[in-house]
Amino acid sequence: MGKGNANYAAVHGMIKKEFKASTFQIPIEQFQSLSFYLQKRIGETKLGRINKSKGLKLFQHFKNFVIINSEIYILYFAAILTNR
């Protein structure tokens, strides 16, 4: 990883090696550990180091992601219901 195009299959392999489980089989109790692991790996990439040196955010907190996306889904479903 880190050079050229990203190899997304390799990400699953690294997660499986680190957590001894398939990406989609990791228990919810390990979600925070998985998040920290991924943040560390992202920060170690060339693009991650460049963006960090520029003061750019590499990722957002999961709580913010849920809040932003739940608002989008609420608006989406509200539009669907009002158009019936």
C-alpha atoms as a PDB file:
ATOM      1  CA  MET A   1       0.000   0.000   0.000  1.00  0.00           C
ATOM      2  CA  GLY A   2       1.017   3.613  -0.268  1.00  0.00           C
ATOM      3  CA  LYS A   3       2.314   3.586  -3.851  1.00  0.00           C
ATOM      4  CA  GLY A   4       0.130   4.049  -6.889  1.00  0.00           C
ATOM      5  CA  ASN A   5      -3.386   2.706  -6.838  1.00  0.00           C
ATOM      6  CA  ALA A   6      -4.751   1.398  -3.575  1.00  0.00           C
ATOM      7  CA  ASN A   7      -5.150  -2.365  -3.255  1.00  0.00           C
ATOM      8  CA  TYR A   8      -8.404  -2.655  -1.340  1.00  0.00           C
ATOM      9  CA  ALA A   9      -8.127  -6.442  -1.044  1.00  0.00           C
ATOM     10  CA  ALA A  10      -4.852  -5.917   0.819  1.00  0.00           C
ATOM     11  CA  VAL A  11      -6.678  -3.769   3.389  1.00  0.00           C
ATOM     12  CA  HIS A  12      -8.961  -6.703   4.204  1.00  0.00           C
ATOM     13  CA  GLY A  13      -5.908  -8.955   4.487  1.00  0.00           C
ATOM     14  CA  MET A  14      -4.170  -6.578   6.911  1.00  0.00           C
ATOM     15  CA  ILE A  15      -7.320  -6.327   9.027  1.00  0.00           C
ATOM     16  CA  LYS A  16      -7.688 -10.113   9.084  1.00  0.00           C
ATOM     17  CA  LYS A  17      -4.058 -10.500  10.144  1.00  0.00           C
ATOM     18  CA  GLU A  18      -4.310  -7.828  12.863  1.00  0.00           C
ATOM     19  CA  PHE A  19      -7.713  -8.794  14.291  1.00  0.00           C
ATOM     20  CA  LYS A  20      -7.707 -12.548  13.554  1.00  0.00           C
ATOM     21  CA  ALA A  21     -11.098 -12.223  11.881  1.00  0.00           C
ATOM     22  CA  SER A  22     -12.593 -11.320   8.532  1.00  0.00           C
ATOM     23  CA  THR A  23     -13.309  -7.608   8.081  1.00  0.00           C
ATOM     24  CA  PHE A  24     -17.049  -8.217   8.285  1.00  0.00           C
ATOM     25  CA  GLN A  25     -16.799 -10.621  11.241  1.00  0.00           C
ATOM     26  CA  ILE A  26     -15.031  -8.342  13.723  1.00  0.00           C
ATOM     27  CA  PRO A  27     -17.119  -8.026  16.906  1.00  0.00           C
ATOM     28  CA  ILE A  28     -18.698  -4.644  17.641  1.00  0.00           C
ATOM     29  CA  GLU A  29     -16.671  -4.535  20.867  1.00  0.00           C
ATOM     30  CA  GLN A  30     -13.547  -4.139  18.714  1.00  0.00           C
ATOM     31  CA  PHE A  31     -14.961  -1.294  16.607  1.00  0.00           C
ATOM     32  CA  GLN A  32     -12.920   1.368  18.394  1.00  0.00           C
ATOM     33  CA  SER A  33      -9.717  -0.673  18.064  1.00  0.00           C
ATOM     34  CA  LEU A  34     -10.430  -1.180  14.359  1.00  0.00           C
ATOM     35  CA  SER A  35     -11.065   2.554  13.929  1.00  0.00           C
ATOM     36  CA  PHE A  36      -7.771   3.462  15.612  1.00  0.00           C
ATOM     37  CA  TYR A  37      -5.942   0.853  13.517  1.00  0.00           C
ATOM     38  CA  LEU A  38      -7.366   2.237  10.268  1.00  0.00           C
ATOM     39  CA  GLN A  39      -6.641   5.834  11.303  1.00  0.00           C
ATOM     40  CA  LYS A  40      -3.032   4.889  12.044  1.00  0.00           C
ATOM     41  CA  ARG A  41      -2.665   3.132   8.689  1.00  0.00           C
ATOM     42  CA  ILE A  42      -4.223   6.076   6.822  1.00  0.00           C
ATOM     43  CA  GLY A  43      -1.917   8.499   8.609  1.00  0.00           C
ATOM     44  CA  GLU A  44       1.121   6.447   7.558  1.00  0.00           C
ATOM     45  CA  THR A  45       0.345   6.677   3.832  1.00  0.00           C
ATOM     46  CA  LYS A  46       2.120   9.214   1.653  1.00  0.00           C
ATOM     47  CA  LEU A  47      -1.110  11.130   1.049  1.00  0.00           C
ATOM     48  CA  GLY A  48      -1.938  10.949   4.749  1.00  0.00           C
ATOM     49  CA  ARG A  49       1.407  12.483   5.707  1.00  0.00           C
ATOM     50  CA  ILE A  50       1.081  15.212   3.057  1.00  0.00           C
ATOM     51  CA  ASN A  51      -2.451  16.156   4.087  1.00  0.00           C
ATOM     52  CA  LYS A  52      -1.573  16.068   7.780  1.00  0.00           C
ATOM     53  CA  SER A  53       1.372  18.424   7.171  1.00  0.00           C
ATOM     54  CA  LYS A  54      -1.069  20.817   5.452  1.00  0.00           C
ATOM     55  CA  GLY A  55      -3.408  20.656   8.437  1.00  0.00           C
ATOM     56  CA  LEU A  56      -6.117  18.826   6.498  1.00  0.00           C
ATOM     57  CA  LYS A  57      -8.379  16.328   8.240  1.00  0.00           C
ATOM     58  CA  LEU A  58      -7.734  12.726   7.275  1.00  0.00           C
ATOM     59  CA  PHE A  59     -11.062  11.421   8.594  1.00  0.00           C
ATOM     60  CA  GLN A  60     -13.989  12.397  10.780  1.00  0.00           C
ATOM     61  CA  HIS A  61     -15.240  10.915  14.027  1.00  0.00           C
ATOM     62  CA  PHE A  62     -17.815   8.165  13.603  1.00  0.00           C
ATOM     63  CA  LYS A  63     -20.319  10.089  15.731  1.00  0.00           C
ATOM     64  CA  ASN A  64     -20.153  13.027  13.297  1.00  0.00           C
ATOM     65  CA  PHE A  65     -20.528  10.656  10.337  1.00  0.00           C
ATOM     66  CA  VAL A  66     -23.675   9.152  11.857  1.00  0.00           C
ATOM     67  CA  ILE A  67     -25.147  12.577  12.653  1.00  0.00           C
ATOM     68  CA  ILE A  68     -24.492  13.961   9.168  1.00  0.00           C
ATOM     69  CA  ASN A  69     -25.757  10.877   7.371  1.00  0.00           C
ATOM     70  CA  SER A  70     -28.787  10.354   9.596  1.00  0.00           C
ATOM     71  CA  GLU A  71     -29.903  13.904   8.759  1.00  0.00           C
ATOM     72  CA  ILE A  72     -29.560  13.108   5.052  1.00  0.00           C
ATOM     73  CA  TYR A  73     -31.604   9.913   5.425  1.00  0.00           C
ATOM     74  CA  ILE A  74     -34.299  11.714   7.419  1.00  0.00           C
ATOM     75  CA  LEU A  75     -34.606  14.366   4.702  1.00  0.00           C
ATOM     76  CA  TYR A  76     -34.618  11.677   2.006  1.00  0.00           C
ATOM     77  CA  PHE A  77     -37.388   9.632   3.622  1.00  0.00           C
ATOM     78  CA  ALA A  78     -39.374  12.757   4.479  1.00  0.00           C
ATOM     79  CA  ALA A  79     -39.283  13.733   0.785  1.00  0.00           C
ATOM     80  CA  ILE A  80     -40.449  10.260  -0.213  1.00  0.00           C
ATOM     81  CA  LEU A  81     -43.328  10.322   2.277  1.00  0.00           C
ATOM     82  CA  THR A  82     -44.494  13.788   1.253  1.00  0.00           C
ATOM     83  CA  ASN A  83     -44.534  12.819  -2.427  1.00  0.00           C
ATOM     84  CA  ARG A  84     -46.916   9.902  -1.916  1.00  0.00           C
END
